[in-house]
Amino acid sequence: MGIPVKEFIVSNPFNCMKLVLFFSIGSVLLSSCGQNGEEFYTPEADKNELAKIAVSNDKTLPNVLIIGDSISIGYTPFVIKQLEGKANVSRVNTNCGDTNKGLKNIKQWLGDTKWDVIHYNFGLHDLCYRHPDSKVSGNRDKVNGKIAVPLDQYRNNMEIITETLKATDAKLIFALTTVVPEGEAGRFAGDEIKYNGAAAKVMKKYGVAINDLHALSSSFKKDMFVRSGNVHYTKKGSGKLGTQVSSLIEKKIK
């Protein structure tokens, strides 16, 4: 008997037709909360995309796992579309947040699937400043808030997470954190460069390939972003990110 599946009927984000999508029960990964039991902020548009993500179960194809924040939620549908017939692309069914959440949940996210390629990222939530009294989404407040994960702790967390992923024998790709624009409520523009530098040293140590989404997103025009001072992308921007992610994954599965 094959692996049992659940059947869902949802709107295809690419052509508005109704499709029947099959989710392997062994591959649909459960949502998990961040610190203090709260989910990390995810825009409604990205939540809607997350609900539409389908996990194919073609045993003749390699298995790919995407781990990351809401930026990765935005580009995952494009990766699935571009790698259709080439790989079973899965994504953790939650905003993976910062490295503290990653440490708590990484083994659960991996599950018992044999992954051929894992594309992952942490950083955007690590460098974010938050204050419990802030009314801004995600409690962001870079004036009165406290940084989520200091740089040294981030690097240590990345070492542990990467060691865990290396143990799966999957081919790894780490995506550098995308650009932080001026005017972001809880993040200082330029901090992502420091965090990317720390992550790059970890990746060099463990021989992990790097996907420079920071350079790509830094080249984006205004119409690629949801709005000024926002780290999130329009469909056009997410599509550009997804194309680069797909290209590097395809090279690994070949």
Protein backbone atom coordinates (compact mmCIF):
# COMPACT_ATOMS: atom_id res chain seq x y z
CA MET A 1 0.00 0.00 0.00
CA GLY A 2 1.18 3.55 -0.68
CA ILE A 3 1.55 6.29 1.89
CA PRO A 4 -1.93 7.53 2.94
CA VAL A 5 -2.83 10.96 1.67
CA LYS A 6 -5.29 13.67 2.53
CA GLU A 7 -7.08 15.44 -0.26
CA PHE A 8 -7.52 19.18 -0.28
CA ILE A 9 -9.18 21.38 -2.90
CA VAL A 10 -7.67 24.85 -3.03
CA SER A 11 -7.11 27.66 -5.47
CA ASN A 12 -3.92 27.39 -7.49
CA PRO A 13 -2.06 30.69 -6.88
CA PHE A 14 -0.68 30.61 -10.42
CA ASN A 15 -3.77 30.24 -12.60
CA CYS A 16 -6.86 30.56 -10.36
CA MET A 17 -8.11 27.09 -11.36
CA LYS A 18 -9.33 24.64 -8.73
CA LEU A 19 -6.87 21.82 -8.22
CA VAL A 20 -6.85 18.69 -6.12
CA LEU A 21 -3.63 18.72 -4.08
CA PHE A 22 -2.24 15.68 -2.33
CA PHE A 23 -0.38 15.99 0.93
CA SER A 24 1.71 13.10 2.22
CA ILE A 25 0.83 12.66 5.88
CA GLY A 26 4.46 11.86 6.61
CA SER A 27 5.59 15.08 4.96
CA VAL A 28 3.10 17.64 6.22
CA LEU A 29 4.99 19.24 9.08
CA LEU A 30 3.15 20.57 12.09
CA SER A 31 3.14 24.21 13.07
CA SER A 32 5.02 25.10 16.24
CA CYS A 33 5.12 28.24 18.31
CA GLY A 34 7.96 30.58 19.05
CA GLN A 35 9.04 31.79 22.44
CA ASN A 36 6.29 32.31 25.02
CA GLY A 37 3.95 30.21 22.89
CA GLU A 38 3.42 32.98 20.33
CA GLU A 39 3.73 32.66 16.59
CA PHE A 40 6.16 34.94 14.78
CA TYR A 41 4.40 37.59 12.74
CA THR A 42 3.45 36.46 9.24
CA PRO A 43 1.51 38.71 6.81
CA GLU A 44 -1.96 37.43 5.92
CA ALA A 45 -0.98 37.11 2.26
CA ASP A 46 1.86 34.76 3.23
CA LYS A 47 -0.40 32.78 5.56
CA ASN A 48 -2.75 32.25 2.64
CA GLU A 49 0.14 31.01 0.50
CA LEU A 50 1.25 28.66 3.27
CA ALA A 51 -2.22 27.11 3.35
CA LYS A 52 -2.00 26.38 -0.38
CA ILE A 53 1.37 24.66 -0.38
CA ALA A 54 1.11 21.10 -1.69
CA VAL A 55 3.57 18.30 -0.97
CA SER A 56 3.88 15.86 -3.85
CA ASN A 57 4.77 12.24 -3.16
CA ASP A 58 6.53 10.93 -6.25
CA LYS A 59 8.95 8.32 -4.95
CA THR A 60 11.05 8.63 -8.10
CA LEU A 61 11.90 12.27 -7.31
CA PRO A 62 14.33 13.72 -4.74
CA ASN A 63 12.88 15.27 -1.57
CA VAL A 64 13.56 18.95 -0.88
CA LEU A 65 12.81 20.76 2.39
CA ILE A 66 12.59 24.54 2.81
CA ILE A 67 13.08 26.01 6.28
CA GLY A 68 12.71 29.74 6.88
CA ASP A 69 10.66 32.79 7.80
CA SER A 70 7.75 34.46 6.02
CA ILE A 71 10.06 35.53 3.19
CA SER A 72 10.50 31.85 2.34
CA ILE A 73 6.76 31.30 2.66
CA GLY A 74 6.34 33.90 -0.06
CA TYR A 75 8.76 32.28 -2.52
CA THR A 76 7.96 28.61 -1.84
CA PRO A 77 4.97 28.39 -4.26
CA PHE A 78 7.25 29.61 -7.06
CA VAL A 79 9.88 27.02 -6.15
CA ILE A 80 7.25 24.26 -6.20
CA LYS A 81 6.04 25.40 -9.59
CA GLN A 82 9.52 25.71 -11.09
CA LEU A 83 10.66 22.32 -9.77
CA GLU A 84 7.46 20.50 -10.69
CA GLY A 85 8.36 17.05 -12.00
CA LYS A 86 11.93 17.47 -10.75
CA ALA A 87 11.54 17.30 -6.96
CA ASN A 88 9.07 16.86 -4.13
CA VAL A 89 9.31 20.29 -2.50
CA SER A 90 8.10 20.55 1.11
CA ARG A 91 8.13 23.47 3.50
CA VAL A 92 7.85 23.59 7.26
CA ASN A 93 4.23 24.58 7.89
CA THR A 94 5.01 27.60 10.05
CA ASN A 95 7.05 30.76 10.15
CA CYS A 96 10.30 29.28 11.50
CA GLY A 97 11.18 32.51 13.26
CA ASP A 98 14.56 32.93 14.93
CA THR A 99 17.32 30.44 15.78
CA ASN A 100 15.95 29.92 19.30
CA LYS A 101 12.77 28.52 17.77
CA GLY A 102 14.92 26.61 15.30
CA LEU A 103 16.85 24.89 18.08
CA LYS A 104 13.64 23.83 19.78
CA ASN A 105 11.94 22.47 16.68
CA ILE A 106 14.54 21.45 14.10
CA LYS A 107 14.28 17.70 14.73
CA GLN A 108 10.48 17.82 14.59
CA TRP A 109 10.66 19.76 11.33
CA LEU A 110 12.97 17.18 9.80
CA GLY A 111 10.59 14.36 10.71
CA ASP A 112 11.41 10.91 9.35
CA THR A 113 11.66 11.85 5.67
CA LYS A 114 14.93 11.21 3.86
CA TRP A 115 15.80 14.67 2.55
CA ASP A 116 18.04 15.06 -0.48
CA VAL A 117 18.33 18.86 -0.29
CA ILE A 118 17.57 21.26 2.55
CA HIS A 119 17.39 25.00 1.85
CA TYR A 120 17.31 26.98 5.10
CA ASN A 121 17.61 30.43 6.62
CA PHE A 122 17.51 32.18 9.98
CA GLY A 123 18.39 35.77 10.78
CA LEU A 124 15.61 38.24 10.05
CA HIS A 125 13.84 37.47 13.34
CA ASP A 126 17.09 37.08 15.29
CA LEU A 127 18.15 40.67 14.63
CA CYS A 128 14.70 42.10 15.38
CA TYR A 129 14.10 44.34 18.42
CA ARG A 130 10.83 43.77 20.28
CA HIS A 131 9.01 45.29 23.23
CA PRO A 132 5.90 43.73 24.82
CA ASP A 133 4.09 47.10 24.87
CA SER A 134 4.65 47.84 21.21
CA LYS A 135 1.49 47.98 19.11
CA VAL A 136 3.41 47.41 15.87
CA SER A 137 2.92 43.97 14.31
CA GLY A 138 5.29 41.46 15.90
CA ASN A 139 5.83 43.85 18.86
CA ARG A 140 8.65 45.44 16.91
CA ASP A 141 10.36 48.41 18.54
CA LYS A 142 13.99 49.22 17.81
CA VAL A 143 13.93 52.25 20.14
CA ASN A 144 12.73 50.68 23.39
CA GLY A 145 12.91 46.99 22.56
CA LYS A 146 15.41 44.22 23.17
CA ILE A 147 17.13 42.31 20.39
CA ALA A 148 15.76 38.79 19.98
CA VAL A 149 19.05 36.94 19.57
CA PRO A 150 22.40 38.75 19.99
CA LEU A 151 24.99 38.18 17.27
CA ASP A 152 27.25 35.80 19.23
CA GLN A 153 24.30 33.68 20.32
CA TYR A 154 23.01 33.66 16.75
CA ARG A 155 26.30 32.26 15.50
CA ASN A 156 26.35 29.58 18.22
CA ASN A 157 22.75 28.63 17.43
CA MET A 158 23.55 28.44 13.73
CA GLU A 159 26.41 26.03 14.48
CA ILE A 160 24.09 23.65 16.34
CA ILE A 161 21.34 23.86 13.73
CA THR A 162 23.80 23.29 10.90
CA GLU A 163 25.38 20.31 12.66
CA THR A 164 21.90 18.82 13.05
CA LEU A 165 21.13 19.33 9.37
CA LYS A 166 24.50 17.95 8.29
CA ALA A 167 23.72 14.74 10.16
CA THR A 168 20.84 14.08 7.74
CA ASP A 169 23.34 13.67 4.84
CA ALA A 170 21.20 16.03 2.77
CA LYS A 171 22.87 18.58 0.53
CA LEU A 172 22.55 21.92 2.31
CA ILE A 173 21.97 25.43 1.00
CA PHE A 174 21.90 28.39 3.38
CA ALA A 175 20.12 31.54 2.19
CA LEU A 176 21.62 34.81 3.38
CA THR A 177 19.05 37.04 5.05
CA THR A 178 17.31 39.44 2.70
CA VAL A 179 17.80 43.19 2.88
CA VAL A 180 16.47 45.26 5.78
CA PRO A 181 15.17 48.53 4.32
CA GLU A 182 15.54 51.92 5.95
CA GLY A 183 12.59 52.78 8.16
CA GLU A 184 11.84 49.22 9.34
CA ALA A 185 10.13 49.47 12.75
CA GLY A 186 12.05 46.78 14.60
CA ARG A 187 15.25 46.32 12.61
CA PHE A 188 18.25 48.48 11.84
CA ALA A 189 19.26 48.57 8.19
CA GLY A 190 22.70 47.00 7.91
CA ASP A 191 22.37 44.62 10.85
CA GLU A 192 21.56 41.83 8.40
CA ILE A 193 25.04 42.25 6.92
CA LYS A 194 26.58 41.51 10.34
CA TYR A 195 24.36 38.47 10.85
CA ASN A 196 25.01 37.24 7.32
CA GLY A 197 28.73 37.56 7.98
CA ALA A 198 28.46 35.41 11.10
CA ALA A 199 26.36 32.83 9.25
CA ALA A 200 28.78 32.76 6.32
CA LYS A 201 31.62 31.80 8.65
CA VAL A 202 29.55 28.89 9.96
CA MET A 203 28.71 27.77 6.43
CA LYS A 204 32.37 27.89 5.42
CA LYS A 205 33.28 25.77 8.43
CA TYR A 206 30.74 23.10 7.51
CA GLY A 207 31.08 23.30 3.74
CA VAL A 208 27.53 24.52 3.17
CA ALA A 209 26.59 26.25 -0.10
CA ILE A 210 25.34 29.84 0.19
CA ASN A 211 22.41 31.37 -1.67
CA ASP A 212 23.00 35.13 -1.69
CA LEU A 213 19.43 36.36 -1.45
CA HIS A 214 20.75 39.49 0.23
CA ALA A 215 22.54 40.64 -2.91
CA LEU A 216 19.49 39.81 -5.01
CA SER A 217 16.99 41.60 -2.76
CA SER A 218 19.32 44.61 -2.44
CA SER A 219 18.97 45.10 -6.19
CA PHE A 220 15.16 45.18 -6.10
CA LYS A 221 13.20 48.27 -7.13
CA LYS A 222 10.38 49.70 -5.01
CA ASP A 223 7.69 47.69 -6.79
CA MET A 224 9.25 44.48 -5.47
CA PHE A 225 8.45 45.42 -1.85
CA VAL A 226 5.02 45.46 -0.22
CA ARG A 227 5.67 49.05 0.89
CA SER A 228 8.46 51.36 2.01
CA GLY A 229 10.24 50.20 5.17
CA ASN A 230 8.77 46.69 4.94
CA VAL A 231 10.90 43.55 4.65
CA HIS A 232 8.20 41.66 2.74
CA TYR A 233 7.82 41.32 -1.01
CA THR A 234 5.14 41.56 -3.65
CA LYS A 235 4.41 38.56 -5.88
CA LYS A 236 6.92 39.99 -8.32
CA GLY A 237 9.64 40.16 -5.68
CA SER A 238 8.88 36.72 -4.25
CA GLY A 239 8.94 35.31 -7.76
CA LYS A 240 12.45 36.68 -8.33
CA LEU A 241 13.64 35.15 -5.04
CA GLY A 242 11.95 31.85 -5.90
CA THR A 243 13.69 31.66 -9.27
CA GLN A 244 17.12 31.94 -7.65
CA VAL A 245 16.21 29.43 -4.94
CA SER A 246 14.92 26.97 -7.56
CA SER A 247 18.04 27.33 -9.68
CA LEU A 248 20.40 26.46 -6.83
CA ILE A 249 18.25 23.57 -5.62
CA GLU A 250 18.08 22.15 -9.14
CA LYS A 251 21.87 22.20 -9.38
CA LYS A 252 22.06 20.23 -6.14
CA ILE A 253 19.52 17.58 -7.16
CA LYS A 254 21.34 17.03 -10.46
